[in-house]
Amino acid sequence: MEANREEDFSTIMKCIDILFSSSEEEDDEEFLQLAILRERTKIPKLKSFVTVVREYSDNEFRRHFRLTKDTAYKLIEKYEQSSCPPLNNHGGIERKSPEEDVLVFLWFAGNKESLRCVATLFGISLRTVFYQCNRVMKYLTEIAGQVIKFPDDLDEEARSFEEIAGFPGVIGCIDGSYINIRTPAHKIASTYANRHDKTSITLQAICDAKRKFIDVFTGVPGKVHDARVFKLSDVKQKLPQICGKNYHILGDSAYPIREWLLVPFKNYGNLGEMENRYNKKHCQTRVRIENAFGILKARFRQLLLQIDMHKVEKITKFIVSCCVLHNLCIDNNDIWDEDDIPYNEEEPFVAYHEDNTEDDLKNIGELKRFRIMQCL
């Protein structure tokens, strides 16, 4: 130990002499470069944390990664079969395994830790973690269309929703949720400030009766009202064809009423018994989307406080990736323990003003709402 200390001290002193001397001899420069390289290689790293993870019990794994071991390794198997993992070694460095790629991303998404902390834990460089997360996000966003989609059997979905509170014809519930972020690079913070004065973007989602997402749309600044976000989304144009006249989705009072989008009666203190009963059953059914947001943020805690990414494009990819993982968990019967706790984001009443050209659509929606109210 003493010999090593003397050697290190001797190296440091010689480097100082070289730096402050006027000598330009090549052997001195070569010695300095070798000394610097030698110091760089002394960064301590944990060896093969992946092998430690393999020994985790199911409970330990779920506690750390926020999903079951079975769900994670099914995802690893599918990811390995895709074109996203690197195929060859690069620059003499052994390629990272698909298993490590997915575990790194799951640890980052499920725990409120920086990429630097994840790199230290897995014993890899920060740059490597960056590329691993990008690869997994690329895979998850590529399969998003297969995982996040409207159900094929609308009759069965409507029956599932009707079992909740007796509200007929429902095939989904829609709402928006704020995802707090850092101010994106080259953007003005005030354009992303929501009504809580926090920098955020909005995640608009529609879920089914199992709290599984069937449509997601994100990337719009949190300053934008939910109704405007809905107008900007592609699903607004698709819903009339998907729902037809027999089905509809449920939204809160921020959304415009339509034949295919039913909202509660606005309560000015003058609602009758039938209207109140309609609102109660509407709320009991629509709370599924609040639950879905709660589960999503509880499972993937990067979404809970603040996403520390600089580009909106990457933030949206990360959010969509978490939504895909949320659905994969439900498909694998990986149920979150807190799924019965509703997620309440205090939504104040905000009147939505219709354009005169849309009055007919509004009237048709109100007529359908009145018919359903009489049947409840």
Protein backbone atom coordinates (compact mmCIF):
# COMPACT_ATOMS: atom_id res chain seq x y z
CA MET A 1 0.00 0.00 0.00
CA GLU A 2 2.83 2.41 0.97
CA ALA A 3 4.72 1.54 -2.21
CA ASN A 4 1.67 2.40 -4.33
CA ARG A 5 1.25 5.73 -2.57
CA GLU A 6 4.91 6.61 -3.14
CA GLU A 7 4.60 5.67 -6.80
CA ASP A 8 1.45 7.81 -7.22
CA PHE A 9 3.11 10.74 -5.43
CA SER A 10 6.18 10.41 -7.64
CA THR A 11 3.99 10.40 -10.76
CA ILE A 12 2.09 13.51 -9.65
CA MET A 13 5.32 15.39 -8.87
CA LYS A 14 6.86 14.52 -12.20
CA CYS A 15 3.69 15.69 -14.01
CA ILE A 16 3.92 19.01 -12.12
CA ASP A 17 7.60 19.40 -13.08
CA ILE A 18 6.78 18.75 -16.73
CA LEU A 19 3.88 21.23 -16.75
CA PHE A 20 5.96 24.05 -15.23
CA SER A 21 9.20 23.34 -17.09
CA SER A 22 10.13 24.72 -20.47
CA SER A 23 11.18 21.32 -21.73
CA GLU A 24 9.56 20.17 -24.92
CA GLU A 25 11.15 16.78 -25.10
CA GLU A 26 8.98 14.07 -26.64
CA ASP A 27 9.60 11.59 -23.83
CA ASP A 28 8.22 14.05 -21.27
CA GLU A 29 5.07 14.63 -23.35
CA GLU A 30 4.62 10.89 -23.79
CA PHE A 31 5.01 10.32 -20.05
CA LEU A 32 2.38 13.00 -19.32
CA GLN A 33 -0.12 11.43 -21.73
CA LEU A 34 0.43 7.98 -20.24
CA ALA A 35 -0.01 9.37 -16.73
CA ILE A 36 -3.32 11.02 -17.66
CA LEU A 37 -4.58 7.86 -19.34
CA ARG A 38 -3.55 5.86 -16.31
CA GLU A 39 -5.57 8.11 -14.01
CA ARG A 40 -8.63 7.80 -16.28
CA THR A 41 -8.66 4.02 -15.99
CA LYS A 42 -8.95 4.15 -12.20
CA ILE A 43 -12.69 4.90 -12.16
CA PRO A 44 -14.27 2.18 -9.97
CA LYS A 45 -17.17 0.29 -11.52
CA LEU A 46 -19.53 -2.39 -10.26
CA LYS A 47 -19.00 -5.59 -12.17
CA SER A 48 -22.01 -7.25 -13.80
CA PHE A 49 -24.97 -5.88 -11.88
CA VAL A 50 -27.16 -7.81 -14.33
CA THR A 51 -26.02 -11.07 -12.73
CA VAL A 52 -27.12 -9.69 -9.37
CA VAL A 53 -30.55 -8.83 -10.79
CA ARG A 54 -30.98 -12.38 -12.06
CA GLU A 55 -30.77 -13.58 -8.47
CA TYR A 56 -33.55 -11.26 -7.28
CA SER A 57 -36.69 -12.90 -6.01
CA ASP A 58 -39.94 -11.94 -7.74
CA ASN A 59 -40.80 -9.52 -4.92
CA GLU A 60 -37.35 -7.91 -4.93
CA PHE A 61 -37.43 -7.53 -8.69
CA ARG A 62 -40.86 -5.93 -8.65
CA ARG A 63 -39.89 -3.58 -5.86
CA HIS A 64 -36.93 -2.26 -7.84
CA PHE A 65 -38.16 -2.43 -11.43
CA ARG A 66 -41.89 -1.71 -10.78
CA LEU A 67 -43.08 -4.73 -12.78
CA THR A 68 -42.81 -8.48 -12.42
CA LYS A 69 -39.80 -10.50 -13.48
CA ASP A 70 -41.96 -12.48 -15.88
CA THR A 71 -43.19 -9.32 -17.64
CA ALA A 72 -39.66 -7.91 -17.90
CA TYR A 73 -38.11 -11.04 -19.38
CA LYS A 74 -40.94 -11.48 -21.86
CA LEU A 75 -40.19 -7.94 -22.99
CA ILE A 76 -36.46 -8.74 -23.20
CA GLU A 77 -37.20 -11.78 -25.37
CA LYS A 78 -39.29 -9.74 -27.82
CA TYR A 79 -36.78 -6.89 -27.82
CA GLU A 80 -33.95 -9.30 -28.62
CA GLN A 81 -35.85 -10.51 -31.69
CA SER A 82 -36.22 -6.97 -33.03
CA SER A 83 -33.75 -4.95 -35.07
CA CYS A 84 -33.08 -2.46 -32.25
CA PRO A 85 -30.29 -4.17 -30.24
CA PRO A 86 -26.76 -3.73 -31.70
CA LEU A 87 -25.69 -6.72 -33.75
CA ASN A 88 -21.90 -6.40 -33.56
CA ASN A 89 -19.15 -5.17 -31.29
CA HIS A 90 -18.12 -1.59 -31.94
CA GLY A 91 -14.61 -0.16 -31.70
CA GLY A 92 -13.32 -3.21 -29.87
CA ILE A 93 -15.94 -2.81 -27.13
CA GLU A 94 -18.19 -5.80 -26.52
CA ARG A 95 -21.80 -5.01 -27.39
CA LYS A 96 -24.29 -4.71 -24.55
CA SER A 97 -26.82 -7.50 -24.21
CA PRO A 98 -30.54 -6.94 -24.92
CA GLU A 99 -31.13 -7.99 -21.31
CA GLU A 100 -28.99 -5.15 -19.99
CA ASP A 101 -30.59 -2.64 -22.40
CA VAL A 102 -34.08 -3.36 -21.11
CA LEU A 103 -33.09 -3.58 -17.43
CA VAL A 104 -31.28 -0.24 -17.64
CA PHE A 105 -34.33 1.45 -19.16
CA LEU A 106 -36.76 -0.13 -16.69
CA TRP A 107 -34.63 0.94 -13.74
CA PHE A 108 -34.44 4.50 -15.07
CA ALA A 109 -38.18 4.71 -15.85
CA GLY A 110 -39.29 3.13 -12.58
CA ASN A 111 -37.05 5.06 -10.20
CA LYS A 112 -36.55 8.77 -9.79
CA GLU A 113 -32.84 8.63 -10.56
CA SER A 114 -30.60 10.34 -13.08
CA LEU A 115 -28.93 8.53 -15.96
CA ARG A 116 -25.62 9.09 -14.17
CA CYS A 117 -26.87 7.12 -11.13
CA VAL A 118 -28.08 4.30 -13.39
CA ALA A 119 -24.68 4.23 -15.13
CA THR A 120 -22.89 3.94 -11.79
CA LEU A 121 -25.21 1.18 -10.62
CA PHE A 122 -24.78 -0.95 -13.75
CA GLY A 123 -21.05 -0.21 -14.02
CA ILE A 124 -21.22 1.37 -17.48
CA SER A 125 -20.55 4.79 -18.91
CA LEU A 126 -23.12 7.57 -19.06
CA ARG A 127 -22.87 7.58 -22.84
CA THR A 128 -23.69 3.88 -22.98
CA VAL A 129 -26.78 4.31 -20.79
CA PHE A 130 -27.91 7.13 -23.05
CA TYR A 131 -27.73 4.89 -26.13
CA GLN A 132 -29.32 1.93 -24.34
CA CYS A 133 -32.36 3.98 -23.31
CA ASN A 134 -32.68 5.36 -26.84
CA ARG A 135 -32.65 1.85 -28.30
CA VAL A 136 -35.35 0.58 -25.95
CA MET A 137 -37.51 3.68 -26.52
CA LYS A 138 -37.14 3.17 -30.26
CA TYR A 139 -38.41 -0.40 -29.92
CA LEU A 140 -41.32 0.52 -27.65
CA THR A 141 -42.49 3.38 -29.88
CA GLU A 142 -42.27 1.09 -32.92
CA ILE A 143 -44.64 -1.44 -31.35
CA ALA A 144 -46.93 1.25 -29.88
CA GLY A 145 -49.43 0.87 -32.73
CA GLN A 146 -49.79 -2.84 -31.97
CA VAL A 147 -50.17 -2.35 -28.21
CA ILE A 148 -52.15 0.92 -27.94
CA LYS A 149 -55.25 0.50 -30.10
CA PHE A 150 -59.04 0.44 -29.93
CA PRO A 151 -60.57 -2.97 -29.14
CA ASP A 152 -61.77 -5.09 -32.03
CA ASP A 153 -64.95 -6.19 -30.24
CA LEU A 154 -66.79 -2.98 -29.31
CA ASP A 155 -69.83 -4.88 -28.03
CA GLU A 156 -67.70 -6.73 -25.48
CA GLU A 157 -66.00 -3.51 -24.41
CA ALA A 158 -69.34 -1.74 -23.95
CA ARG A 159 -70.55 -4.62 -21.77
CA SER A 160 -67.40 -4.37 -19.64
CA PHE A 161 -68.00 -0.67 -19.03
CA GLU A 162 -71.70 -1.17 -18.36
CA GLU A 163 -70.87 -3.60 -15.55
CA ILE A 164 -69.15 -0.76 -13.68
CA ALA A 165 -72.12 1.55 -13.11
CA GLY A 166 -74.76 0.65 -15.69
CA PHE A 167 -73.76 3.34 -18.22
CA PRO A 168 -74.49 1.91 -21.71
CA GLY A 169 -72.54 2.15 -24.97
CA VAL A 170 -69.18 3.25 -23.51
CA ILE A 171 -66.01 2.05 -25.25
CA GLY A 172 -63.49 4.39 -23.61
CA CYS A 173 -62.84 7.29 -21.25
CA ILE A 174 -60.76 10.33 -22.17
CA ASP A 175 -58.83 12.87 -20.11
CA GLY A 176 -55.60 14.83 -20.02
CA SER A 177 -52.83 14.75 -17.43
CA TYR A 178 -49.87 17.05 -16.87
CA ILE A 179 -46.38 15.57 -17.14
CA ASN A 180 -43.91 17.94 -15.47
CA ILE A 181 -40.74 18.57 -17.47
CA ARG A 182 -37.71 20.82 -17.60
CA THR A 183 -38.07 23.72 -20.00
CA PRO A 184 -37.07 22.19 -23.35
CA ALA A 185 -33.95 23.48 -25.07
CA HIS A 186 -34.47 26.71 -27.04
CA LYS A 187 -38.05 27.05 -25.75
CA ILE A 188 -39.69 29.75 -23.64
CA ALA A 189 -40.72 28.49 -20.19
CA SER A 190 -43.98 30.49 -20.11
CA THR A 191 -45.32 28.66 -23.17
CA TYR A 192 -45.16 25.38 -21.21
CA ALA A 193 -46.50 26.71 -17.88
CA ASN A 194 -49.76 25.04 -16.86
CA ARG A 195 -52.46 26.40 -14.53
CA HIS A 196 -50.33 25.29 -11.54
CA ASP A 197 -47.50 27.46 -12.92
CA LYS A 198 -45.35 24.38 -13.56
CA THR A 199 -43.55 23.61 -16.80
CA SER A 200 -45.30 20.62 -18.33
CA ILE A 201 -46.69 18.95 -21.40
CA THR A 202 -50.10 17.30 -21.63
CA LEU A 203 -50.68 13.59 -22.03
CA GLN A 204 -54.13 12.98 -23.51
CA ALA A 205 -55.25 9.38 -23.27
CA ILE A 206 -58.28 7.16 -23.78
CA CYS A 207 -58.50 3.97 -21.74
CA ASP A 208 -60.72 0.89 -21.75
CA ALA A 209 -62.51 -0.76 -18.82
CA LYS A 210 -59.29 -2.52 -17.74
CA ARG A 211 -57.50 0.86 -17.52
CA LYS A 212 -55.49 -0.05 -20.60
CA PHE A 213 -54.65 2.82 -22.95
CA ILE A 214 -56.31 2.56 -26.35
CA ASP A 215 -55.12 5.94 -27.61
CA VAL A 216 -52.46 8.41 -26.45
CA PHE A 217 -51.46 11.83 -27.72
CA THR A 218 -48.75 13.99 -26.16
CA GLY A 219 -46.22 16.72 -26.83
CA VAL A 220 -48.55 19.73 -26.54
CA PRO A 221 -47.48 22.37 -23.96
CA GLY A 222 -49.31 22.24 -20.64
CA LYS A 223 -50.58 25.77 -21.19
CA VAL A 224 -52.97 24.51 -23.87
CA HIS A 225 -56.51 23.68 -22.73
CA ASP A 226 -57.69 20.06 -22.88
CA ALA A 227 -60.33 20.88 -25.49
CA ARG A 228 -57.68 22.42 -27.75
CA VAL A 229 -55.39 19.42 -27.25
CA PHE A 230 -58.30 17.19 -28.29
CA LYS A 231 -58.79 19.26 -31.44
CA LEU A 232 -55.13 18.84 -32.35
CA SER A 233 -55.16 15.06 -31.87
CA ASP A 234 -55.78 12.60 -34.70
CA VAL A 235 -58.33 10.65 -32.67
CA LYS A 236 -60.86 13.49 -32.94
CA GLN A 237 -61.27 12.74 -36.63
CA LYS A 238 -61.41 8.97 -36.10
CA LEU A 239 -63.96 8.77 -33.29
CA PRO A 240 -67.11 9.45 -35.36
CA GLN A 241 -66.27 6.47 -37.58
CA ILE A 242 -65.17 4.23 -34.70
CA CYS A 243 -68.18 4.95 -32.48
CA GLY A 244 -70.92 5.33 -35.05
CA LYS A 245 -74.31 5.97 -33.48
CA ASN A 246 -74.27 3.14 -30.94
CA TYR A 247 -71.08 3.83 -29.01
CA HIS A 248 -69.35 6.76 -27.36
CA ILE A 249 -66.50 7.72 -25.05
CA LEU A 250 -66.83 9.68 -21.81
CA GLY A 251 -65.06 12.94 -20.99
CA ASP A 252 -65.27 15.64 -18.34
CA SER A 253 -66.83 19.08 -18.77
CA ALA A 254 -63.70 20.45 -20.47
CA TYR A 255 -64.63 18.58 -23.66
CA PRO A 256 -67.35 19.46 -26.18
CA ILE A 257 -70.41 17.22 -26.13
CA ARG A 258 -70.90 15.11 -29.24
CA GLU A 259 -72.90 12.06 -30.22
CA TRP A 260 -69.69 10.06 -29.76
CA LEU A 261 -68.34 12.02 -26.75
CA LEU A 262 -70.63 12.41 -23.75
CA VAL A 263 -69.86 14.79 -20.89
CA PRO A 264 -71.67 15.44 -17.57
CA PHE A 265 -74.35 18.05 -17.07
CA LYS A 266 -72.86 21.33 -15.90
CA ASN A 267 -73.96 21.84 -12.34
CA TYR A 268 -75.08 25.39 -11.59
CA GLY A 269 -77.06 24.20 -8.56
CA ASN A 270 -80.25 23.58 -10.52
CA LEU A 271 -79.90 19.92 -11.58
CA GLY A 272 -82.77 17.53 -11.00
CA GLU A 273 -82.67 13.97 -9.71
CA MET A 274 -82.26 12.43 -13.17
CA GLU A 275 -79.40 14.73 -14.12
CA ASN A 276 -77.61 14.06 -10.84
CA ARG A 277 -78.01 10.30 -11.27
CA TYR A 278 -76.62 10.58 -14.81
CA ASN A 279 -73.63 12.59 -13.55
CA LYS A 280 -72.94 10.08 -10.77
CA LYS A 281 -72.91 7.07 -13.11
CA HIS A 282 -70.91 9.05 -15.65
CA CYS A 283 -68.30 9.85 -12.97
CA GLN A 284 -68.19 6.28 -11.64
CA THR A 285 -67.44 5.06 -15.16
CA ARG A 286 -65.08 7.82 -16.27
CA VAL A 287 -62.89 7.44 -13.17
CA ARG A 288 -61.17 4.57 -15.01
CA ILE A 289 -59.00 7.06 -16.88
CA GLU A 290 -58.06 8.77 -13.60
CA ASN A 291 -57.06 5.35 -12.23
CA ALA A 292 -55.01 4.65 -15.38
CA PHE A 293 -53.02 7.87 -15.00
CA GLY A 294 -52.47 7.09 -11.32
CA ILE A 295 -51.12 3.62 -12.05
CA LEU A 296 -48.92 4.93 -14.88
CA LYS A 297 -47.27 7.56 -12.67
CA ALA A 298 -47.00 5.29 -9.64
CA ARG A 299 -45.30 2.56 -11.66
CA PHE A 300 -43.01 4.81 -13.74
CA ARG A 301 -41.90 7.44 -11.27
CA GLN A 302 -39.94 9.49 -13.78
CA LEU A 303 -43.39 10.74 -14.85
CA LEU A 304 -44.41 11.61 -11.31
CA LEU A 305 -42.14 14.53 -10.47
CA GLN A 306 -40.23 15.86 -13.49
CA ILE A 307 -38.70 14.46 -16.66
CA ASP A 308 -35.16 15.79 -17.00
CA MET A 309 -34.80 15.69 -20.78
CA HIS A 310 -34.01 18.56 -23.09
CA LYS A 311 -35.93 17.81 -26.30
CA VAL A 312 -39.70 17.60 -26.66
CA GLU A 313 -39.35 14.77 -29.18
CA LYS A 314 -37.42 12.63 -26.71
CA ILE A 315 -39.82 13.48 -23.87
CA THR A 316 -42.80 12.35 -25.95
CA LYS A 317 -41.02 9.12 -26.91
CA PHE A 318 -40.34 8.41 -23.25
CA ILE A 319 -43.97 9.05 -22.26
CA VAL A 320 -45.32 6.86 -25.07
CA SER A 321 -42.80 4.15 -24.10
CA CYS A 322 -44.13 4.16 -20.53
CA CYS A 323 -47.71 3.93 -21.85
CA VAL A 324 -46.71 0.90 -23.95
CA LEU A 325 -45.12 -0.74 -20.88
CA HIS A 326 -48.30 0.03 -18.90
CA ASN A 327 -50.36 -1.90 -21.47
CA LEU A 328 -47.89 -4.78 -21.64
CA CYS A 329 -48.15 -5.15 -17.87
CA ILE A 330 -51.95 -5.36 -18.06
CA ASP A 331 -51.75 -7.87 -20.92
CA ASN A 332 -49.46 -10.00 -18.76
CA ASN A 333 -51.84 -9.71 -15.78
CA ASP A 334 -49.18 -7.70 -13.96
CA ILE A 335 -51.60 -5.71 -11.81
CA TRP A 336 -50.37 -2.76 -9.79
CA ASP A 337 -51.15 -2.96 -6.07
CA GLU A 338 -52.51 0.59 -5.95
CA ASP A 339 -54.82 0.31 -8.95
CA ASP A 340 -57.94 0.86 -6.85
CA ILE A 341 -56.74 4.26 -5.66
CA PRO A 342 -58.13 6.92 -8.01
CA TYR A 343 -55.77 9.53 -9.36
CA ASN A 344 -57.34 12.91 -8.73
CA GLU A 345 -56.05 15.96 -10.52
CA GLU A 346 -58.26 18.78 -9.34
CA GLU A 347 -60.02 19.88 -12.49
CA PRO A 348 -61.84 23.16 -12.07
CA PHE A 349 -64.88 23.83 -14.17
CA VAL A 350 -63.84 25.48 -17.43
CA ALA A 351 -66.56 26.41 -19.84
CA TYR A 352 -65.94 25.32 -23.42
CA HIS A 353 -67.26 27.67 -26.04
CA GLU A 354 -68.61 26.07 -29.18
CA ASP A 355 -68.38 27.63 -32.59
CA ASN A 356 -71.77 28.42 -34.09
CA THR A 357 -70.98 26.10 -37.00
CA GLU A 358 -70.86 23.17 -34.56
CA ASP A 359 -74.23 23.78 -32.93
CA ASP A 360 -75.84 20.89 -34.78
CA LEU A 361 -73.19 18.43 -33.55
CA LYS A 362 -73.68 19.75 -30.03
CA ASN A 363 -77.47 19.36 -30.22
CA ILE A 364 -77.20 15.77 -31.44
CA GLY A 365 -74.87 14.97 -28.54
CA GLU A 366 -77.24 16.56 -26.02
CA LEU A 367 -80.15 14.60 -27.45
CA LYS A 368 -78.27 11.33 -27.04
CA ARG A 369 -77.29 12.28 -23.48
CA PHE A 370 -80.94 12.99 -22.67
CA ARG A 371 -82.05 9.60 -23.99
CA ILE A 372 -79.39 7.78 -21.94
CA MET A 373 -80.31 9.80 -18.83
CA GLN A 374 -83.90 8.59 -19.09
CA CYS A 375 -82.74 4.95 -19.25
CA LEU A 376 -80.49 5.09 -16.18
